[in-house]
Amino acid sequence: MARNRLPGGAGSVRVATARACVEVPADFGQVDGSSSGKQEAVMACMPTEDVEFHDAIKEVFRRYPEAQGKYALASLDLENEMKINFDEKVGVSRIEGDKIITEFKDRKSVIRMQICLKWNFDYTECLHWKEAEE
């Protein structure tokens, strides 16, 4: 199991490898993004580790339903696969058409952007910024 470091002295984090997969219906739209109306089953996988943690997060969302459309629990699987060291790097994102482009830049070279999108566990360090509009 791989381990990566988060900033702020948080120590390393485990990269969850255990996954449970279920079939869910998915709409296979046209190339232009319109719906074809045809649904097929696809596999959706979620971590099976840290069950108590995920249950606690679900309970928070139940208690604060207005937050459900504003926030989501994000995995750092892709960042861990890339071996991003958040002590040295920070994600910076921008929107291009229907894509969100994220680049990881040296933390010291990034001028702080307007909005932090992802915080570390105790909100002491931003991991991912939204690129400021020019």
N, C-alpha and C. Protein backbone atom coordinates (compact mmCIF):
# COMPACT_ATOMS: atom_id res chain seq x y z
N MET A 1 0.85 -1.17 0.00
CA MET A 1 0.00 0.00 0.00
C MET A 1 0.89 1.24 0.00
N ALA A 2 0.68 2.16 -0.92
CA ALA A 2 1.49 3.37 -1.04
C ALA A 2 1.09 4.40 0.01
N ARG A 3 2.03 5.30 0.33
CA ARG A 3 1.77 6.35 1.31
C ARG A 3 2.29 7.66 0.75
N ASN A 4 1.52 8.73 0.88
CA ASN A 4 1.93 10.07 0.47
C ASN A 4 1.81 11.03 1.62
N ARG A 5 2.56 12.14 1.54
CA ARG A 5 2.56 13.12 2.62
C ARG A 5 1.64 14.28 2.31
N LEU A 6 0.89 14.70 3.33
CA LEU A 6 0.08 15.91 3.26
C LEU A 6 0.81 17.02 4.00
N PRO A 7 0.56 18.29 3.64
CA PRO A 7 1.25 19.40 4.32
C PRO A 7 0.76 19.60 5.74
N GLY A 8 1.46 20.44 6.45
CA GLY A 8 1.02 20.82 7.79
C GLY A 8 1.31 19.78 8.85
N GLY A 9 2.27 18.89 8.59
CA GLY A 9 2.63 17.90 9.59
C GLY A 9 1.60 16.81 9.78
N ALA A 10 0.71 16.64 8.80
CA ALA A 10 -0.35 15.64 8.92
C ALA A 10 0.17 14.23 8.81
N GLY A 11 1.42 14.07 8.41
CA GLY A 11 1.96 12.73 8.25
C GLY A 11 1.53 12.14 6.92
N SER A 12 1.75 10.87 6.76
CA SER A 12 1.42 10.25 5.49
C SER A 12 0.00 9.70 5.49
N VAL A 13 -0.53 9.48 4.31
CA VAL A 13 -1.87 8.92 4.16
C VAL A 13 -1.77 7.61 3.41
N ARG A 14 -2.64 6.69 3.76
CA ARG A 14 -2.68 5.41 3.06
C ARG A 14 -3.46 5.56 1.77
N VAL A 15 -3.02 4.88 0.75
CA VAL A 15 -3.75 4.83 -0.50
C VAL A 15 -4.61 3.57 -0.45
N ALA A 16 -5.91 3.77 -0.38
CA ALA A 16 -6.83 2.63 -0.27
C ALA A 16 -6.81 1.81 -1.55
N THR A 17 -6.65 0.52 -1.40
CA THR A 17 -6.67 -0.35 -2.57
C THR A 17 -7.89 -1.25 -2.59
N ALA A 18 -8.48 -1.53 -1.42
CA ALA A 18 -9.66 -2.38 -1.36
C ALA A 18 -10.87 -1.63 -1.89
N ARG A 19 -11.62 -2.25 -2.79
CA ARG A 19 -12.76 -1.59 -3.41
C ARG A 19 -13.92 -2.56 -3.51
N ALA A 20 -15.14 -2.01 -3.36
CA ALA A 20 -16.36 -2.78 -3.59
C ALA A 20 -17.01 -2.19 -4.83
N CYS A 21 -17.44 -3.02 -5.74
CA CYS A 21 -18.02 -2.54 -6.99
C CYS A 21 -19.47 -3.01 -7.12
N VAL A 22 -20.29 -2.12 -7.66
CA VAL A 22 -21.69 -2.44 -7.89
C VAL A 22 -22.07 -2.00 -9.30
N GLU A 23 -23.08 -2.62 -9.85
CA GLU A 23 -23.58 -2.20 -11.16
C GLU A 23 -24.55 -1.05 -10.98
N VAL A 24 -24.39 0.00 -11.78
CA VAL A 24 -25.31 1.13 -11.76
C VAL A 24 -25.70 1.45 -13.20
N PRO A 25 -26.94 1.94 -13.43
CA PRO A 25 -27.32 2.30 -14.79
C PRO A 25 -26.62 3.58 -15.22
N ALA A 26 -26.19 3.62 -16.48
CA ALA A 26 -25.54 4.81 -17.02
C ALA A 26 -26.14 5.12 -18.38
N ASP A 27 -26.35 6.41 -18.65
CA ASP A 27 -26.87 6.86 -19.94
C ASP A 27 -25.70 7.07 -20.88
N PHE A 28 -25.68 6.33 -21.97
CA PHE A 28 -24.63 6.50 -22.96
C PHE A 28 -25.08 7.51 -23.99
N GLY A 29 -24.71 8.77 -23.78
CA GLY A 29 -25.12 9.87 -24.64
C GLY A 29 -24.40 9.86 -25.97
N GLN A 30 -24.83 10.74 -26.85
CA GLN A 30 -24.20 10.91 -28.15
C GLN A 30 -22.88 11.64 -27.99
N VAL A 31 -22.09 11.69 -29.07
CA VAL A 31 -20.80 12.38 -29.03
C VAL A 31 -20.97 13.84 -28.65
N ASP A 32 -22.10 14.47 -29.04
CA ASP A 32 -22.32 15.88 -28.73
C ASP A 32 -22.83 16.10 -27.31
N GLY A 33 -22.94 15.03 -26.53
CA GLY A 33 -23.35 15.17 -25.13
C GLY A 33 -24.84 14.99 -24.92
N SER A 34 -25.64 14.89 -25.97
CA SER A 34 -27.07 14.71 -25.80
C SER A 34 -27.36 13.28 -25.36
N SER A 35 -28.48 13.10 -24.70
CA SER A 35 -28.84 11.79 -24.20
C SER A 35 -29.37 10.91 -25.32
N SER A 36 -28.95 9.67 -25.32
CA SER A 36 -29.45 8.71 -26.30
C SER A 36 -30.67 7.99 -25.77
N GLY A 37 -30.91 8.12 -24.45
CA GLY A 37 -32.02 7.41 -23.83
C GLY A 37 -31.69 5.96 -23.53
N LYS A 38 -30.57 5.48 -24.05
CA LYS A 38 -30.17 4.10 -23.84
C LYS A 38 -29.37 4.00 -22.55
N GLN A 39 -29.79 3.12 -21.67
CA GLN A 39 -29.06 2.93 -20.43
C GLN A 39 -28.49 1.53 -20.39
N GLU A 40 -27.26 1.43 -19.91
CA GLU A 40 -26.60 0.15 -19.72
C GLU A 40 -25.98 0.13 -18.35
N ALA A 41 -25.75 -1.05 -17.84
CA ALA A 41 -25.12 -1.18 -16.52
C ALA A 41 -23.61 -1.02 -16.65
N VAL A 42 -23.04 -0.24 -15.76
CA VAL A 42 -21.58 -0.09 -15.67
C VAL A 42 -21.18 -0.35 -14.22
N MET A 43 -19.92 -0.64 -14.01
CA MET A 43 -19.43 -0.90 -12.66
C MET A 43 -18.96 0.40 -12.02
N ALA A 44 -19.43 0.67 -10.82
CA ALA A 44 -18.96 1.80 -10.02
C ALA A 44 -18.33 1.21 -8.77
N CYS A 45 -17.10 1.65 -8.49
CA CYS A 45 -16.36 1.08 -7.37
C CYS A 45 -16.10 2.15 -6.30
N MET A 46 -16.16 1.71 -5.06
CA MET A 46 -15.92 2.63 -3.94
C MET A 46 -15.02 1.94 -2.93
N PRO A 47 -14.28 2.72 -2.12
CA PRO A 47 -13.39 2.11 -1.13
C PRO A 47 -14.18 1.34 -0.08
N THR A 48 -13.60 0.26 0.39
CA THR A 48 -14.21 -0.50 1.48
C THR A 48 -13.48 -0.26 2.79
N GLU A 49 -12.41 0.52 2.77
CA GLU A 49 -11.69 0.86 3.99
C GLU A 49 -12.33 2.08 4.65
N ASP A 50 -12.01 2.30 5.90
CA ASP A 50 -12.45 3.50 6.62
C ASP A 50 -13.98 3.64 6.64
N VAL A 51 -14.68 2.54 6.87
CA VAL A 51 -16.14 2.53 6.83
C VAL A 51 -16.72 3.49 7.87
N GLU A 52 -16.19 3.50 9.08
CA GLU A 52 -16.71 4.39 10.12
C GLU A 52 -16.55 5.86 9.71
N PHE A 53 -15.43 6.20 9.11
CA PHE A 53 -15.19 7.56 8.64
C PHE A 53 -16.23 7.95 7.59
N HIS A 54 -16.44 7.09 6.59
CA HIS A 54 -17.41 7.39 5.53
C HIS A 54 -18.83 7.49 6.10
N ASP A 55 -19.16 6.64 7.06
CA ASP A 55 -20.48 6.72 7.69
C ASP A 55 -20.65 8.05 8.43
N ALA A 56 -19.59 8.52 9.09
CA ALA A 56 -19.66 9.80 9.80
C ALA A 56 -19.84 10.95 8.81
N ILE A 57 -19.17 10.89 7.68
CA ILE A 57 -19.33 11.94 6.66
C ILE A 57 -20.76 11.92 6.12
N LYS A 58 -21.30 10.73 5.86
CA LYS A 58 -22.69 10.64 5.39
C LYS A 58 -23.64 11.27 6.39
N GLU A 59 -23.40 11.04 7.67
CA GLU A 59 -24.26 11.61 8.71
C GLU A 59 -24.17 13.13 8.72
N VAL A 60 -23.00 13.69 8.50
CA VAL A 60 -22.84 15.15 8.43
C VAL A 60 -23.67 15.69 7.26
N PHE A 61 -23.62 15.03 6.11
CA PHE A 61 -24.41 15.48 4.97
C PHE A 61 -25.91 15.35 5.23
N ARG A 62 -26.32 14.34 5.98
CA ARG A 62 -27.74 14.21 6.34
C ARG A 62 -28.16 15.35 7.27
N ARG A 63 -27.28 15.73 8.19
CA ARG A 63 -27.58 16.81 9.14
C ARG A 63 -27.60 18.17 8.46
N TYR A 64 -26.83 18.33 7.39
CA TYR A 64 -26.73 19.62 6.68
C TYR A 64 -27.05 19.41 5.20
N PRO A 65 -28.31 19.16 4.85
CA PRO A 65 -28.66 18.83 3.46
C PRO A 65 -28.33 19.96 2.48
N GLU A 66 -28.30 21.22 2.94
CA GLU A 66 -27.97 22.33 2.04
C GLU A 66 -26.52 22.23 1.55
N ALA A 67 -25.69 21.49 2.24
CA ALA A 67 -24.28 21.34 1.84
C ALA A 67 -24.10 20.28 0.76
N GLN A 68 -25.12 19.44 0.55
CA GLN A 68 -24.97 18.32 -0.38
C GLN A 68 -24.68 18.75 -1.81
N GLY A 69 -25.19 19.87 -2.25
CA GLY A 69 -24.92 20.33 -3.61
C GLY A 69 -23.70 21.21 -3.71
N LYS A 70 -23.06 21.53 -2.58
CA LYS A 70 -21.91 22.42 -2.57
C LYS A 70 -20.59 21.69 -2.34
N TYR A 71 -20.64 20.56 -1.63
CA TYR A 71 -19.43 19.87 -1.24
C TYR A 71 -19.53 18.39 -1.57
N ALA A 72 -18.36 17.75 -1.67
CA ALA A 72 -18.30 16.31 -1.89
C ALA A 72 -17.02 15.79 -1.22
N LEU A 73 -17.03 14.54 -0.84
CA LEU A 73 -15.83 13.92 -0.30
C LEU A 73 -15.00 13.46 -1.49
N ALA A 74 -13.78 13.97 -1.60
CA ALA A 74 -12.92 13.65 -2.73
C ALA A 74 -11.82 12.69 -2.31
N SER A 75 -11.50 11.79 -3.17
CA SER A 75 -10.39 10.87 -2.97
C SER A 75 -9.12 11.50 -3.54
N LEU A 76 -8.00 11.16 -2.97
CA LEU A 76 -6.71 11.61 -3.49
C LEU A 76 -6.02 10.48 -4.26
N ASP A 77 -6.79 9.51 -4.75
CA ASP A 77 -6.20 8.36 -5.46
C ASP A 77 -5.34 8.79 -6.65
N LEU A 78 -5.83 9.71 -7.47
CA LEU A 78 -5.05 10.12 -8.65
C LEU A 78 -3.78 10.83 -8.24
N GLU A 79 -3.89 11.72 -7.25
CA GLU A 79 -2.71 12.44 -6.76
C GLU A 79 -1.70 11.47 -6.14
N ASN A 80 -2.20 10.47 -5.43
CA ASN A 80 -1.31 9.47 -4.84
C ASN A 80 -0.65 8.63 -5.92
N GLU A 81 -1.40 8.29 -6.96
CA GLU A 81 -0.83 7.52 -8.07
C GLU A 81 0.29 8.32 -8.75
N MET A 82 0.12 9.65 -8.81
CA MET A 82 1.14 10.52 -9.40
C MET A 82 2.27 10.83 -8.42
N LYS A 83 2.13 10.36 -7.16
CA LYS A 83 3.11 10.59 -6.11
C LYS A 83 3.32 12.09 -5.85
N ILE A 84 2.22 12.83 -5.78
CA ILE A 84 2.27 14.26 -5.50
C ILE A 84 2.64 14.45 -4.03
N ASN A 85 3.66 15.23 -3.77
CA ASN A 85 4.04 15.59 -2.40
C ASN A 85 3.45 16.96 -2.13
N PHE A 86 2.40 17.01 -1.32
CA PHE A 86 1.69 18.27 -1.09
C PHE A 86 2.49 19.25 -0.23
N ASP A 87 3.61 18.82 0.36
CA ASP A 87 4.49 19.77 1.03
C ASP A 87 5.18 20.65 -0.01
N GLU A 88 5.37 20.09 -1.22
CA GLU A 88 6.10 20.81 -2.27
C GLU A 88 5.22 21.30 -3.41
N LYS A 89 4.11 20.63 -3.66
CA LYS A 89 3.26 20.94 -4.81
C LYS A 89 1.86 21.34 -4.37
N VAL A 90 1.18 22.07 -5.24
CA VAL A 90 -0.22 22.43 -5.03
C VAL A 90 -0.93 22.31 -6.37
N GLY A 91 -2.17 21.81 -6.35
CA GLY A 91 -2.95 21.73 -7.57
C GLY A 91 -3.55 23.09 -7.89
N VAL A 92 -3.52 23.46 -9.17
CA VAL A 92 -4.14 24.70 -9.65
C VAL A 92 -5.03 24.32 -10.83
N SER A 93 -6.32 24.66 -10.75
CA SER A 93 -7.28 24.25 -11.78
C SER A 93 -7.86 25.44 -12.52
N ARG A 94 -8.24 25.17 -13.76
CA ARG A 94 -8.93 26.16 -14.59
C ARG A 94 -9.97 25.40 -15.43
N ILE A 95 -10.96 26.13 -15.89
CA ILE A 95 -12.01 25.55 -16.73
C ILE A 95 -11.71 25.89 -18.18
N GLU A 96 -11.75 24.87 -19.04
CA GLU A 96 -11.61 25.05 -20.49
C GLU A 96 -12.77 24.31 -21.14
N GLY A 97 -13.79 25.05 -21.57
CA GLY A 97 -14.97 24.43 -22.16
C GLY A 97 -15.66 23.55 -21.14
N ASP A 98 -15.76 22.24 -21.44
CA ASP A 98 -16.41 21.31 -20.50
C ASP A 98 -15.39 20.47 -19.74
N LYS A 99 -14.15 20.98 -19.63
CA LYS A 99 -13.09 20.26 -18.93
C LYS A 99 -12.56 21.09 -17.77
N ILE A 100 -12.16 20.40 -16.73
CA ILE A 100 -11.43 21.02 -15.62
C ILE A 100 -10.00 20.53 -15.74
N ILE A 101 -9.08 21.44 -15.96
CA ILE A 101 -7.67 21.11 -16.13
C ILE A 101 -6.94 21.43 -14.82
N THR A 102 -6.24 20.45 -14.28
CA THR A 102 -5.48 20.64 -13.04
C THR A 102 -4.01 20.39 -13.32
N GLU A 103 -3.18 21.34 -12.90
CA GLU A 103 -1.74 21.20 -12.98
C GLU A 103 -1.19 21.29 -11.57
N PHE A 104 -0.13 20.55 -11.29
CA PHE A 104 0.52 20.61 -9.98
C PHE A 104 1.78 21.42 -10.13
N LYS A 105 1.84 22.51 -9.37
CA LYS A 105 2.94 23.46 -9.47
C LYS A 105 3.68 23.53 -8.15
N ASP A 106 4.93 24.00 -8.22
CA ASP A 106 5.70 24.19 -6.99
C ASP A 106 4.95 25.15 -6.08
N ARG A 107 4.75 24.74 -4.85
CA ARG A 107 3.98 25.52 -3.88
C ARG A 107 4.55 26.92 -3.72
N LYS A 108 5.87 27.06 -3.70
CA LYS A 108 6.50 28.36 -3.49
C LYS A 108 6.33 29.30 -4.68
N SER A 109 6.10 28.76 -5.87
CA SER A 109 6.00 29.60 -7.06
C SER A 109 4.58 30.05 -7.38
N VAL A 110 3.61 29.49 -6.68
CA VAL A 110 2.21 29.79 -6.98
C VAL A 110 1.76 31.03 -6.22
N ILE A 111 1.27 32.01 -6.95
CA ILE A 111 0.64 33.16 -6.31
C ILE A 111 -0.72 32.67 -5.85
N ARG A 112 -1.06 32.91 -4.61
CA ARG A 112 -2.30 32.38 -4.07
C ARG A 112 -3.50 32.81 -4.90
N MET A 113 -4.30 31.84 -5.23
CA MET A 113 -5.49 32.08 -6.05
C MET A 113 -6.64 32.53 -5.17
N GLN A 114 -7.78 32.81 -5.78
CA GLN A 114 -8.91 33.35 -5.05
C GLN A 114 -9.66 32.33 -4.21
N ILE A 115 -9.78 31.10 -4.69
CA ILE A 115 -10.63 30.13 -4.01
C ILE A 115 -9.87 28.82 -3.79
N CYS A 116 -9.84 28.36 -2.55
CA CYS A 116 -9.26 27.05 -2.27
C CYS A 116 -10.36 26.00 -2.47
N LEU A 117 -10.07 25.00 -3.29
CA LEU A 117 -11.04 23.95 -3.58
C LEU A 117 -10.91 22.74 -2.67
N LYS A 118 -9.69 22.40 -2.26
CA LYS A 118 -9.47 21.25 -1.38
C LYS A 118 -8.51 21.65 -0.27
N TRP A 119 -8.93 21.39 0.96
CA TRP A 119 -8.10 21.65 2.14
C TRP A 119 -7.57 20.35 2.69
N ASN A 120 -6.48 20.42 3.45
CA ASN A 120 -6.03 19.24 4.16
C ASN A 120 -7.01 18.96 5.30
N PHE A 121 -6.76 17.91 6.05
CA PHE A 121 -7.73 17.43 7.03
C PHE A 121 -8.12 18.45 8.09
N ASP A 122 -7.22 19.37 8.48
CA ASP A 122 -7.55 20.31 9.55
C ASP A 122 -7.63 21.76 9.09
N TYR A 123 -7.76 21.96 7.78
CA TYR A 123 -7.92 23.29 7.18
C TYR A 123 -6.73 24.22 7.45
N THR A 124 -5.54 23.67 7.57
CA THR A 124 -4.37 24.53 7.77
C THR A 124 -3.60 24.77 6.48
N GLU A 125 -3.89 24.00 5.43
CA GLU A 125 -3.15 24.12 4.18
C GLU A 125 -4.07 23.82 3.00
N CYS A 126 -4.02 24.68 1.99
CA CYS A 126 -4.79 24.42 0.78
C CYS A 126 -4.02 23.46 -0.11
N LEU A 127 -4.70 22.43 -0.62
CA LEU A 127 -4.08 21.45 -1.51
C LEU A 127 -4.35 21.76 -2.97
N HIS A 128 -5.41 22.53 -3.25
CA HIS A 128 -5.87 22.67 -4.63
C HIS A 128 -6.59 24.01 -4.77
N TRP A 129 -6.08 24.85 -5.64
CA TRP A 129 -6.63 26.21 -5.85
C TRP A 129 -7.37 26.31 -7.16
N LYS A 130 -8.33 27.21 -7.24
CA LYS A 130 -8.98 27.57 -8.49
C LYS A 130 -8.18 28.74 -9.07
N GLU A 131 -7.77 28.59 -10.32
CA GLU A 131 -6.97 29.62 -10.96
C GLU A 131 -7.77 30.93 -11.06
N ALA A 132 -7.14 32.03 -10.72
CA ALA A 132 -7.81 33.32 -10.75
C ALA A 132 -8.06 33.75 -12.20
N GLU A 133 -9.19 34.41 -12.39
CA GLU A 133 -9.51 34.92 -13.72
C GLU A 133 -8.60 36.09 -14.04
N GLU A 134 -8.23 36.23 -15.30
CA GLU A 134 -7.33 37.32 -15.70
C GLU A 134 -8.10 38.59 -15.95
